[in-house]
Amino acid sequence: MSKDSYPTTPDGRYFVVRGRLWRASNPALEPDVRKRLVHELMAARRAVGINKRSGDCAAEAAAHDAVDRAKVALGERGPVWWEDGAPDLNRHLARTGPYADWYASLTDARS
């Protein structure tokens, strides 16, 4: 399932998976930059799996670092990409906090 198939908060900052908010990529990234970073992220994720299966702990750690660098560059980790001072609610429950009413309206619509 792609990220696009998950509900996205009205402000576009998060998408919701299993009731949790996950920070979306920075929408201000140029398409070619986003494409390159996503390619780097996917390659790093593959490297994590390969090195985990091979038992190469040092290479696995390096691959995890590459995943983190790509996610920071995409805006999914690290400093937030919005500038209005709103806190980062990454991994918080969608049913609590400022998105609670919006999230409840989604679950009500599914009932």
PDB file of N, CA and C in Angstrom:
ATOM      1  N   MET A   1       0.848  -1.181   0.000  1.00  0.00           N
ATOM      2  CA  MET A   1       0.000   0.000   0.000  1.00  0.00           C
ATOM      3  C   MET A   1       0.889   1.238   0.000  1.00  0.00           C
ATOM      4  N   SER A   2       0.615   2.167  -0.850  1.00  0.00           N
ATOM      5  CA  SER A   2       1.440   3.372  -0.930  1.00  0.00           C
ATOM      6  C   SER A   2       0.982   4.418   0.075  1.00  0.00           C
ATOM      7  N   LYS A   3       1.889   5.344   0.363  1.00  0.00           N
ATOM      8  CA  LYS A   3       1.572   6.435   1.290  1.00  0.00           C
ATOM      9  C   LYS A   3       0.350   7.207   0.814  1.00  0.00           C
ATOM     10  N   ASP A   4       0.182   7.317  -0.527  1.00  0.00           N
ATOM     11  CA  ASP A   4      -0.939   8.072  -1.091  1.00  0.00           C
ATOM     12  C   ASP A   4      -2.295   7.448  -0.758  1.00  0.00           C
ATOM     13  N   SER A   5      -2.315   6.172  -0.374  1.00  0.00           N
ATOM     14  CA  SER A   5      -3.589   5.533  -0.065  1.00  0.00           C
ATOM     15  C   SER A   5      -3.969   5.675   1.408  1.00  0.00           C
ATOM     16  N   TYR A   6      -3.138   6.337   2.185  1.00  0.00           N
ATOM     17  CA  TYR A   6      -3.452   6.603   3.585  1.00  0.00           C
ATOM     18  C   TYR A   6      -4.039   8.004   3.699  1.00  0.00           C
ATOM     19  N   PRO A   7      -4.918   8.226   4.676  1.00  0.00           N
ATOM     20  CA  PRO A   7      -5.466   9.576   4.841  1.00  0.00           C
ATOM     21  C   PRO A   7      -4.362  10.572   5.203  1.00  0.00           C
ATOM     22  N   THR A   8      -4.437  11.736   4.611  1.00  0.00           N
ATOM     23  CA  THR A   8      -3.479  12.811   4.866  1.00  0.00           C
ATOM     24  C   THR A   8      -4.194  13.930   5.598  1.00  0.00           C
ATOM     25  N   THR A   9      -3.547  14.479   6.621  1.00  0.00           N
ATOM     26  CA  THR A   9      -4.154  15.564   7.388  1.00  0.00           C
ATOM     27  C   THR A   9      -4.457  16.741   6.469  1.00  0.00           C
ATOM     28  N   PRO A  10      -5.459  17.539   6.821  1.00  0.00           N
ATOM     29  CA  PRO A  10      -5.839  18.663   5.959  1.00  0.00           C
ATOM     30  C   PRO A  10      -4.693  19.627   5.642  1.00  0.00           C
ATOM     31  N   ASP A  11      -3.730  19.747   6.548  1.00  0.00           N
ATOM     32  CA  ASP A  11      -2.601  20.657   6.297  1.00  0.00           C
ATOM     33  C   ASP A  11      -1.467  19.979   5.522  1.00  0.00           C
ATOM     34  N   GLY A  12      -1.603  18.679   5.235  1.00  0.00           N
ATOM     35  CA  GLY A  12      -0.617  17.959   4.450  1.00  0.00           C
ATOM     36  C   GLY A  12       0.650  17.587   5.186  1.00  0.00           C
ATOM     37  N   ARG A  13       0.684  17.802   6.485  1.00  0.00           N
ATOM     38  CA  ARG A  13       1.906  17.530   7.237  1.00  0.00           C
ATOM     39  C   ARG A  13       2.096  16.063   7.586  1.00  0.00           C
ATOM     40  N   TYR A  14       0.991  15.332   7.701  1.00  0.00           N
ATOM     41  CA  TYR A  14       1.074  13.941   8.141  1.00  0.00           C
ATOM     42  C   TYR A  14       0.138  13.067   7.319  1.00  0.00           C
ATOM     43  N   PHE A  15       0.462  11.776   7.289  1.00  0.00           N
ATOM     44  CA  PHE A  15      -0.493  10.778   6.834  1.00  0.00           C
ATOM     45  C   PHE A  15      -0.671   9.820   8.002  1.00  0.00           C
ATOM     46  N   VAL A  16      -1.765   9.073   7.997  1.00  0.00           N
ATOM     47  CA  VAL A  16      -2.109   8.239   9.146  1.00  0.00           C
ATOM     48  C   VAL A  16      -2.035   6.771   8.760  1.00  0.00           C
ATOM     49  N   VAL A  17      -1.294   6.011   9.563  1.00  0.00           N
ATOM     50  CA  VAL A  17      -1.187   4.566   9.404  1.00  0.00           C
ATOM     51  C   VAL A  17      -1.508   3.935  10.753  1.00  0.00           C
ATOM     52  N   ARG A  18      -2.516   3.064  10.749  1.00  0.00           N
ATOM     53  CA  ARG A  18      -2.938   2.383  11.975  1.00  0.00           C
ATOM     54  C   ARG A  18      -3.106   3.343  13.147  1.00  0.00           C
ATOM     55  N   GLY A  19      -3.720   4.500  12.860  1.00  0.00           N
ATOM     56  CA  GLY A  19      -4.060   5.459  13.906  1.00  0.00           C
ATOM     57  C   GLY A  19      -2.942   6.389  14.329  1.00  0.00           C
ATOM     58  N   ARG A  20      -1.767   6.262  13.720  1.00  0.00           N
ATOM     59  CA  ARG A  20      -0.633   7.119  14.079  1.00  0.00           C
ATOM     60  C   ARG A  20      -0.315   8.106  12.964  1.00  0.00           C
ATOM     61  N   LEU A  21       0.119   9.283  13.381  1.00  0.00           N
ATOM     62  CA  LEU A  21       0.551  10.314  12.444  1.00  0.00           C
ATOM     63  C   LEU A  21       2.002  10.056  12.044  1.00  0.00           C
ATOM     64  N   TRP A  22       2.262  10.107  10.749  1.00  0.00           N
ATOM     65  CA  TRP A  22       3.622   9.976  10.224  1.00  0.00           C
ATOM     66  C   TRP A  22       3.904  11.203   9.371  1.00  0.00           C
ATOM     67  N   ARG A  23       5.019  11.858   9.619  1.00  0.00           N
ATOM     68  CA  ARG A  23       5.339  13.094   8.914  1.00  0.00           C
ATOM     69  C   ARG A  23       5.513  12.840   7.417  1.00  0.00           C
ATOM     70  N   ALA A  24       4.863  13.660   6.627  1.00  0.00           N
ATOM     71  CA  ALA A  24       4.961  13.583   5.170  1.00  0.00           C
ATOM     72  C   ALA A  24       6.234  14.282   4.696  1.00  0.00           C
ATOM     73  N   SER A  25       6.640  13.973   3.489  1.00  0.00           N
ATOM     74  CA  SER A  25       7.782  14.649   2.871  1.00  0.00           C
ATOM     75  C   SER A  25       7.456  16.118   2.643  1.00  0.00           C
ATOM     76  N   ASN A  26       8.487  16.897   2.580  1.00  0.00           N
ATOM     77  CA  ASN A  26       8.346  18.327   2.337  1.00  0.00           C
ATOM     78  C   ASN A  26       7.784  18.551   0.932  1.00  0.00           C
ATOM     79  N   PRO A  27       6.597  19.138   0.813  1.00  0.00           N
ATOM     80  CA  PRO A  27       6.007  19.343  -0.510  1.00  0.00           C
ATOM     81  C   PRO A  27       6.732  20.396  -1.341  1.00  0.00           C
ATOM     82  N   ALA A  28       7.626  21.167  -0.729  1.00  0.00           N
ATOM     83  CA  ALA A  28       8.356  22.198  -1.463  1.00  0.00           C
ATOM     84  C   ALA A  28       9.573  21.647  -2.211  1.00  0.00           C
ATOM     85  N   LEU A  29       9.884  20.371  -2.008  1.00  0.00           N
ATOM     86  CA  LEU A  29      11.015  19.783  -2.729  1.00  0.00           C
ATOM     87  C   LEU A  29      10.719  19.744  -4.221  1.00  0.00           C
ATOM     88  N   GLU A  30      11.715  20.046  -5.009  1.00  0.00           N
ATOM     89  CA  GLU A  30      11.581  19.939  -6.458  1.00  0.00           C
ATOM     90  C   GLU A  30      11.362  18.469  -6.820  1.00  0.00           C
ATOM     91  N   PRO A  31      10.535  18.188  -7.818  1.00  0.00           N
ATOM     92  CA  PRO A  31      10.244  16.791  -8.176  1.00  0.00           C
ATOM     93  C   PRO A  31      11.485  15.945  -8.454  1.00  0.00           C
ATOM     94  N   ASP A  32      12.487  16.505  -9.136  1.00  0.00           N
ATOM     95  CA  ASP A  32      13.683  15.719  -9.424  1.00  0.00           C
ATOM     96  C   ASP A  32      14.489  15.440  -8.158  1.00  0.00           C
ATOM     97  N   VAL A  33      14.501  16.376  -7.227  1.00  0.00           N
ATOM     98  CA  VAL A  33      15.186  16.171  -5.941  1.00  0.00           C
ATOM     99  C   VAL A  33      14.449  15.105  -5.145  1.00  0.00           C
ATOM    100  N   ARG A  34      13.126  15.199  -5.086  1.00  0.00           N
ATOM    101  CA  ARG A  34      12.326  14.209  -4.371  1.00  0.00           C
ATOM    102  C   ARG A  34      12.565  12.815  -4.961  1.00  0.00           C
ATOM    103  N   LYS A  35      12.554  12.716  -6.274  1.00  0.00           N
ATOM    104  CA  LYS A  35      12.750  11.422  -6.932  1.00  0.00           C
ATOM    105  C   LYS A  35      14.114  10.828  -6.571  1.00  0.00           C
ATOM    106  N   ARG A  36      15.159  11.654  -6.597  1.00  0.00           N
ATOM    107  CA  ARG A  36      16.496  11.176  -6.249  1.00  0.00           C
ATOM    108  C   ARG A  36      16.559  10.723  -4.794  1.00  0.00           C
ATOM    109  N   LEU A  37      15.964  11.509  -3.900  1.00  0.00           N
ATOM    110  CA  LEU A  37      15.995  11.157  -2.477  1.00  0.00           C
ATOM    111  C   LEU A  37      15.197   9.885  -2.194  1.00  0.00           C
ATOM    112  N   VAL A  38      14.065   9.730  -2.852  1.00  0.00           N
ATOM    113  CA  VAL A  38      13.279   8.505  -2.670  1.00  0.00           C
ATOM    114  C   VAL A  38      14.070   7.305  -3.188  1.00  0.00           C
ATOM    115  N   HIS A  39      14.755   7.469  -4.310  1.00  0.00           N
ATOM    116  CA  HIS A  39      15.591   6.400  -4.843  1.00  0.00           C
ATOM    117  C   HIS A  39      16.685   6.030  -3.831  1.00  0.00           C
ATOM    118  N   GLU A  40      17.333   7.037  -3.249  1.00  0.00           N
ATOM    119  CA  GLU A  40      18.359   6.796  -2.230  1.00  0.00           C
ATOM    120  C   GLU A  40      17.767   6.094  -1.016  1.00  0.00           C
ATOM    121  N   LEU A  41      16.571   6.515  -0.602  1.00  0.00           N
ATOM    122  CA  LEU A  41      15.912   5.897   0.545  1.00  0.00           C
ATOM    123  C   LEU A  41      15.619   4.428   0.281  1.00  0.00           C
ATOM    124  N   MET A  42      15.066   4.129  -0.883  1.00  0.00           N
ATOM    125  CA  MET A  42      14.724   2.739  -1.198  1.00  0.00           C
ATOM    126  C   MET A  42      15.985   1.873  -1.290  1.00  0.00           C
ATOM    127  N   ALA A  43      17.058   2.408  -1.877  1.00  0.00           N
ATOM    128  CA  ALA A  43      18.316   1.663  -1.961  1.00  0.00           C
ATOM    129  C   ALA A  43      18.866   1.390  -0.560  1.00  0.00           C
ATOM    130  N   ALA A  44      18.781   2.379   0.307  1.00  0.00           N
ATOM    131  CA  ALA A  44      19.268   2.207   1.675  1.00  0.00           C
ATOM    132  C   ALA A  44      18.429   1.186   2.429  1.00  0.00           C
ATOM    133  N   ARG A  45      17.108   1.203   2.225  1.00  0.00           N
ATOM    134  CA  ARG A  45      16.247   0.214   2.882  1.00  0.00           C
ATOM    135  C   ARG A  45      16.570  -1.196   2.402  1.00  0.00           C
ATOM    136  N   ARG A  46      16.817  -1.334   1.088  1.00  0.00           N
ATOM    137  CA  ARG A  46      17.207  -2.649   0.576  1.00  0.00           C
ATOM    138  C   ARG A  46      18.520  -3.091   1.206  1.00  0.00           C
ATOM    139  N   ALA A  47      19.460  -2.163   1.340  1.00  0.00           N
ATOM    140  CA  ALA A  47      20.755  -2.481   1.938  1.00  0.00           C
ATOM    141  C   ALA A  47      20.610  -2.915   3.393  1.00  0.00           C
ATOM    142  N   VAL A  48      19.684  -2.306   4.117  1.00  0.00           N
ATOM    143  CA  VAL A  48      19.433  -2.738   5.499  1.00  0.00           C
ATOM    144  C   VAL A  48      19.055  -4.217   5.509  1.00  0.00           C
ATOM    145  N   GLY A  49      18.110  -4.590   4.675  1.00  0.00           N
ATOM    146  CA  GLY A  49      17.659  -5.987   4.641  1.00  0.00           C
ATOM    147  C   GLY A  49      18.753  -6.944   4.222  1.00  0.00           C
ATOM    148  N   ILE A  50      19.489  -6.596   3.188  1.00  0.00           N
ATOM    149  CA  ILE A  50      20.562  -7.469   2.704  1.00  0.00           C
ATOM    150  C   ILE A  50      21.609  -7.678   3.784  1.00  0.00           C
ATOM    151  N   ASN A  51      22.011  -6.595   4.422  1.00  0.00           N
ATOM    152  CA  ASN A  51      23.053  -6.692   5.442  1.00  0.00           C
ATOM    153  C   ASN A  51      22.561  -7.347   6.722  1.00  0.00           C
ATOM    154  N   LYS A  52      21.289  -7.178   7.024  1.00  0.00           N
ATOM    155  CA  LYS A  52      20.718  -7.864   8.186  1.00  0.00           C
ATOM    156  C   LYS A  52      20.744  -9.374   7.958  1.00  0.00           C
ATOM    157  N   ARG A  53      20.311  -9.781   6.750  1.00  0.00           N
ATOM    158  CA  ARG A  53      20.302 -11.220   6.434  1.00  0.00           C
ATOM    159  C   ARG A  53      21.706 -11.814   6.379  1.00  0.00           C
ATOM    160  N   SER A  54      22.679 -11.023   5.947  1.00  0.00           N
ATOM    161  CA  SER A  54      24.047 -11.542   5.846  1.00  0.00           C
ATOM    162  C   SER A  54      24.775 -11.505   7.185  1.00  0.00           C
ATOM    163  N   GLY A  55      24.212 -10.785   8.154  1.00  0.00           N
ATOM    164  CA  GLY A  55      24.839 -10.696   9.469  1.00  0.00           C
ATOM    165  C   GLY A  55      25.957  -9.679   9.560  1.00  0.00           C
ATOM    166  N   ASP A  56      26.056  -8.806   8.567  1.00  0.00           N
ATOM    167  CA  ASP A  56      27.098  -7.780   8.567  1.00  0.00           C
ATOM    168  C   ASP A  56      26.593  -6.568   9.347  1.00  0.00           C
ATOM    169  N   CYS A  57      26.878  -6.560  10.640  1.00  0.00           N
ATOM    170  CA  CYS A  57      26.337  -5.522  11.531  1.00  0.00           C
ATOM    171  C   CYS A  57      26.840  -4.128  11.178  1.00  0.00           C
ATOM    172  N   ALA A  58      28.113  -4.010  10.795  1.00  0.00           N
ATOM    173  CA  ALA A  58      28.655  -2.691  10.457  1.00  0.00           C
ATOM    174  C   ALA A  58      27.984  -2.145   9.197  1.00  0.00           C
ATOM    175  N   ALA A  59      27.814  -2.992   8.189  1.00  0.00           N
ATOM    176  CA  ALA A  59      27.160  -2.552   6.953  1.00  0.00           C
ATOM    177  C   ALA A  59      25.686  -2.252   7.199  1.00  0.00           C
ATOM    178  N   GLU A  60      25.053  -3.029   8.068  1.00  0.00           N
ATOM    179  CA  GLU A  60      23.646  -2.766   8.399  1.00  0.00           C
ATOM    180  C   GLU A  60      23.513  -1.404   9.086  1.00  0.00           C
ATOM    181  N   ALA A  61      24.417  -1.111  10.021  1.00  0.00           N
ATOM    182  CA  ALA A  61      24.388   0.191  10.712  1.00  0.00           C
ATOM    183  C   ALA A  61      24.596   1.331   9.714  1.00  0.00           C
ATOM    184  N   ALA A  62      25.512   1.146   8.769  1.00  0.00           N
ATOM    185  CA  ALA A  62      25.747   2.171   7.751  1.00  0.00           C
ATOM    186  C   ALA A  62      24.505   2.364   6.892  1.00  0.00           C
ATOM    187  N   ALA A  63      23.815   1.269   6.575  1.00  0.00           N
ATOM    188  CA  ALA A  63      22.589   1.359   5.779  1.00  0.00           C
ATOM    189  C   ALA A  63      21.483   2.074   6.561  1.00  0.00           C
ATOM    190  N   HIS A  64      21.369   1.795   7.854  1.00  0.00           N
ATOM    191  CA  HIS A  64      20.395   2.517   8.693  1.00  0.00           C
ATOM    192  C   HIS A  64      20.706   4.016   8.698  1.00  0.00           C
ATOM    193  N   ASP A  65      21.984   4.356   8.771  1.00  0.00           N
ATOM    194  CA  ASP A  65      22.375   5.766   8.722  1.00  0.00           C
ATOM    195  C   ASP A  65      21.975   6.400   7.390  1.00  0.00           C
ATOM    196  N   ALA A  66      22.130   5.648   6.301  1.00  0.00           N
ATOM    197  CA  ALA A  66      21.748   6.162   4.982  1.00  0.00           C
ATOM    198  C   ALA A  66      20.236   6.370   4.903  1.00  0.00           C
ATOM    199  N   VAL A  67      19.458   5.471   5.504  1.00  0.00           N
ATOM    200  CA  VAL A  67      18.003   5.643   5.561  1.00  0.00           C
ATOM    201  C   VAL A  67      17.679   6.931   6.306  1.00  0.00           C
ATOM    202  N   ASP A  68      18.318   7.127   7.434  1.00  0.00           N
ATOM    203  CA  ASP A  68      18.054   8.322   8.234  1.00  0.00           C
ATOM    204  C   ASP A  68      18.410   9.589   7.460  1.00  0.00           C
ATOM    205  N   ARG A  69      19.555   9.605   6.789  1.00  0.00           N
ATOM    206  CA  ARG A  69      19.950  10.791   6.014  1.00  0.00           C
ATOM    207  C   ARG A  69      18.926  11.104   4.923  1.00  0.00           C
ATOM    208  N   ALA A  70      18.447  10.073   4.244  1.00  0.00           N
ATOM    209  CA  ALA A  70      17.455  10.293   3.181  1.00  0.00           C
ATOM    210  C   ALA A  70      16.149  10.820   3.761  1.00  0.00           C
ATOM    211  N   LYS A  71      15.717  10.267   4.891  1.00  0.00           N
ATOM    212  CA  LYS A  71      14.460  10.705   5.491  1.00  0.00           C
ATOM    213  C   LYS A  71      14.574  12.144   6.002  1.00  0.00           C
ATOM    214  N   VAL A  72      15.728  12.510   6.540  1.00  0.00           N
ATOM    215  CA  VAL A  72      15.939  13.903   6.967  1.00  0.00           C
ATOM    216  C   VAL A  72      15.903  14.822   5.750  1.00  0.00           C
ATOM    217  N   ALA A  73      16.565  14.425   4.672  1.00  0.00           N
ATOM    218  CA  ALA A  73      16.580  15.257   3.459  1.00  0.00           C
ATOM    219  C   ALA A  73      15.181  15.404   2.862  1.00  0.00           C
ATOM    220  N   LEU A  74      14.355  14.367   2.986  1.00  0.00           N
ATOM    221  CA  LEU A  74      12.976  14.438   2.499  1.00  0.00           C
ATOM    222  C   LEU A  74      12.076  15.259   3.418  1.00  0.00           C
ATOM    223  N   GLY A  75      12.535  15.516   4.645  1.00  0.00           N
ATOM    224  CA  GLY A  75      11.738  16.271   5.603  1.00  0.00           C
ATOM    225  C   GLY A  75      10.880  15.396   6.492  1.00  0.00           C
ATOM    226  N   GLU A  76      11.054  14.077   6.400  1.00  0.00           N
ATOM    227  CA  GLU A  76      10.253  13.154   7.201  1.00  0.00           C
ATOM    228  C   GLU A  76      10.804  12.976   8.612  1.00  0.00           C
ATOM    229  N   ARG A  77      12.038  13.375   8.816  1.00  0.00           N
ATOM    230  CA  ARG A  77      12.688  13.370  10.131  1.00  0.00           C
ATOM    231  C   ARG A  77      13.471  14.662  10.257  1.00  0.00           C
ATOM    232  N   GLY A  78      13.992  14.898  11.450  1.00  0.00           N
ATOM    233  CA  GLY A  78      14.796  16.102  11.669  1.00  0.00           C
ATOM    234  C   GLY A  78      13.918  17.322  11.837  1.00  0.00           C
ATOM    235  N   PRO A  79      14.462  18.485  11.543  1.00  0.00           N
ATOM    236  CA  PRO A  79      13.682  19.724  11.695  1.00  0.00           C
ATOM    237  C   PRO A  79      12.431  19.685  10.808  1.00  0.00           C
ATOM    238  N   VAL A  80      11.356  20.236  11.331  1.00  0.00           N
ATOM    239  CA  VAL A  80      10.113  20.265  10.546  1.00  0.00           C
ATOM    240  C   VAL A  80      10.274  21.196   9.359  1.00  0.00           C
ATOM    241  N   TRP A  81       9.510  20.938   8.297  1.00  0.00           N
ATOM    242  CA  TRP A  81       9.602  21.757   7.088  1.00  0.00           C
ATOM    243  C   TRP A  81       8.606  22.910   7.082  1.00  0.00           C
ATOM    244  N   TRP A  82       7.676  22.930   8.006  1.00  0.00           N
ATOM    245  CA  TRP A  82       6.749  24.062   8.064  1.00  0.00           C
ATOM    246  C   TRP A  82       7.331  25.127   8.974  1.00  0.00           C
ATOM    247  N   GLU A  83       6.838  26.353   8.814  1.00  0.00           N
ATOM    248  CA  GLU A  83       7.467  27.492   9.485  1.00  0.00           C
ATOM    249  C   GLU A  83       6.546  28.254  10.424  1.00  0.00           C
ATOM    250  N   ASP A  84       5.408  27.664  10.791  1.00  0.00           N
ATOM    251  CA  ASP A  84       4.478  28.393  11.652  1.00  0.00           C
ATOM    252  C   ASP A  84       4.650  28.094  13.136  1.00  0.00           C
ATOM    253  N   GLY A  85       5.689  27.343  13.491  1.00  0.00           N
ATOM    254  CA  GLY A  85       5.966  27.053  14.891  1.00  0.00           C
ATOM    255  C   GLY A  85       5.178  25.893  15.474  1.00  0.00           C
ATOM    256  N   ALA A  86       4.326  25.245  14.666  1.00  0.00           N
ATOM    257  CA  ALA A  86       3.554  24.107  15.168  1.00  0.00           C
ATOM    258  C   ALA A  86       4.506  22.969  15.523  1.00  0.00           C
ATOM    259  N   PRO A  87       4.190  22.251  16.606  1.00  0.00           N
ATOM    260  CA  PRO A  87       5.079  21.168  17.044  1.00  0.00           C
ATOM    261  C   PRO A  87       5.048  19.984  16.079  1.00  0.00           C
ATOM    262  N   ASP A  88       6.066  19.154  16.189  1.00  0.00           N
ATOM    263  CA  ASP A  88       6.123  17.919  15.405  1.00  0.00           C
ATOM    264  C   ASP A  88       5.352  16.846  16.171  1.00  0.00           C
ATOM    265  N   LEU A  89       4.321  16.319  15.554  1.00  0.00           N
ATOM    266  CA  LEU A  89       3.489  15.294  16.185  1.00  0.00           C
ATOM    267  C   LEU A  89       3.721  13.922  15.566  1.00  0.00           C
ATOM    268  N   ASN A  90       4.865  13.749  14.911  1.00  0.00           N
ATOM    269  CA  ASN A  90       5.192  12.475  14.286  1.00  0.00           C
ATOM    270  C   ASN A  90       5.059  11.337  15.301  1.00  0.00           C
ATOM    271  N   ARG A  91       4.368  10.288  14.882  1.00  0.00           N
ATOM    272  CA  ARG A  91       4.120   9.070  15.664  1.00  0.00           C
ATOM    273  C   ARG A  91       3.113   9.249  16.803  1.00  0.00           C
ATOM    274  N   HIS A  92       2.530  10.432  16.940  1.00  0.00           N
ATOM    275  CA  HIS A  92       1.470  10.621  17.925  1.00  0.00           C
ATOM    276  C   HIS A  92       0.191   9.975  17.406  1.00  0.00           C
ATOM    277  N   LEU A  93      -0.719   9.674  18.304  1.00  0.00           N
ATOM    278  CA  LEU A  93      -2.012   9.136  17.903  1.00  0.00           C
ATOM    279  C   LEU A  93      -2.839  10.221  17.229  1.00  0.00           C
ATOM    280  N   ALA A  94      -3.459   9.860  16.130  1.00  0.00           N
ATOM    281  CA  ALA A  94      -4.284  10.825  15.397  1.00  0.00           C
ATOM    282  C   ALA A  94      -5.558  11.160  16.170  1.00  0.00           C
ATOM    283  N   ARG A  95      -6.007  10.261  17.023  1.00  0.00           N
ATOM    284  CA  ARG A  95      -7.275  10.485  17.728  1.00  0.00           C
ATOM    285  C   ARG A  95      -7.134  11.432  18.911  1.00  0.00           C
ATOM    286  N   THR A  96      -5.912  11.878  19.176  1.00  0.00           N
ATOM    287  CA  THR A  96      -5.680  12.852  20.249  1.00  0.00           C
ATOM    288  C   THR A  96      -5.048  14.094  19.637  1.00  0.00           C
ATOM    289  N   GLY A  97      -5.041  15.170  20.356  1.00  0.00           N
ATOM    290  CA  GLY A  97      -4.376  16.382  19.890  1.00  0.00           C
ATOM    291  C   GLY A  97      -5.169  17.135  18.833  1.00  0.00           C
ATOM    292  N   PRO A  98      -4.482  17.981  18.072  1.00  0.00           N
ATOM    293  CA  PRO A  98      -5.162  18.896  17.159  1.00  0.00           C
ATOM    294  C   PRO A  98      -5.861  18.226  15.972  1.00  0.00           C
ATOM    295  N   TYR A  99      -5.547  16.972  15.686  1.00  0.00           N
ATOM    296  CA  TYR A  99      -6.176  16.290  14.547  1.00  0.00           C
ATOM    297  C   TYR A  99      -7.313  15.361  14.973  1.00  0.00           C
ATOM    298  N   ALA A 100      -7.682  15.382  16.240  1.00  0.00           N
ATOM    299  CA  ALA A 100      -8.680  14.446  16.765  1.00  0.00           C
ATOM    300  C   ALA A 100     -10.028  14.564  16.055  1.00  0.00           C
ATOM    301  N   ASP A 101     -10.544  15.766  15.897  1.00  0.00           N
ATOM    302  CA  ASP A 101     -11.851  15.937  15.239  1.00  0.00           C
ATOM    303  C   ASP A 101     -11.793  15.490  13.781  1.00  0.00           C
ATOM    304  N   TRP A 102     -10.742  15.871  13.097  1.00  0.00           N
ATOM    305  CA  TRP A 102     -10.579  15.456  11.698  1.00  0.00           C
ATOM    306  C   TRP A 102     -10.536  13.937  11.595  1.00  0.00           C
ATOM    307  N   TYR A 103      -9.753  13.298  12.456  1.00  0.00           N
ATOM    308  CA  TYR A 103      -9.606  11.840  12.415  1.00  0.00           C
ATOM    309  C   TYR A 103     -10.938  11.166  12.765  1.00  0.00           C
ATOM    310  N   ALA A 104     -11.642  11.700  13.747  1.00  0.00           N
ATOM    311  CA  ALA A 104     -12.954  11.145  14.122  1.00  0.00           C
ATOM    312  C   ALA A 104     -13.918  11.243  12.952  1.00  0.00           C
ATOM    313  N   SER A 105     -13.848  12.312  12.183  1.00  0.00           N
ATOM    314  CA  SER A 105     -14.746  12.445  11.035  1.00  0.00           C
ATOM    315  C   SER A 105     -14.443  11.379   9.974  1.00  0.00           C
ATOM    316  N   LEU A 106     -13.190  10.958   9.875  1.00  0.00           N
ATOM    317  CA  LEU A 106     -12.836   9.895   8.932  1.00  0.00           C
ATOM    318  C   LEU A 106     -13.403   8.558   9.386  1.00  0.00           C
ATOM    319  N   THR A 107     -13.236   8.265  10.669  1.00  0.00           N
ATOM    320  CA  THR A 107     -13.718   6.986  11.168  1.00  0.00           C
ATOM    321  C   THR A 107     -15.239   6.950  11.189  1.00  0.00           C
ATOM    322  N   ASP A 108     -15.887   8.098  11.440  1.00  0.00           N
ATOM    323  CA  ASP A 108     -17.353   8.156  11.389  1.00  0.00           C
ATOM    324  C   ASP A 108     -17.848   7.906   9.977  1.00  0.00           C
ATOM    325  N   ALA A 109     -17.121   8.425   8.980  1.00  0.00           N
ATOM    326  CA  ALA A 109     -17.525   8.260   7.583  1.00  0.00           C
ATOM    327  C   ALA A 109     -17.411   6.814   7.134  1.00  0.00           C
ATOM    328  N   ARG A 110     -16.513   6.057   7.742  1.00  0.00           N
ATOM    329  CA  ARG A 110     -16.312   4.648   7.380  1.00  0.00           C
ATOM    330  C   ARG A 110     -17.347   3.741   8.024  1.00  0.00           C
ATOM    331  N   SER A 111     -18.016   4.218   9.062  1.00  0.00           N
ATOM    332  CA  SER A 111     -18.985   3.386   9.801  1.00  0.00           C
ATOM    333  C   SER A 111     -20.278   3.232   9.040  1.00  0.00           C
TER     334      SER A 111
END
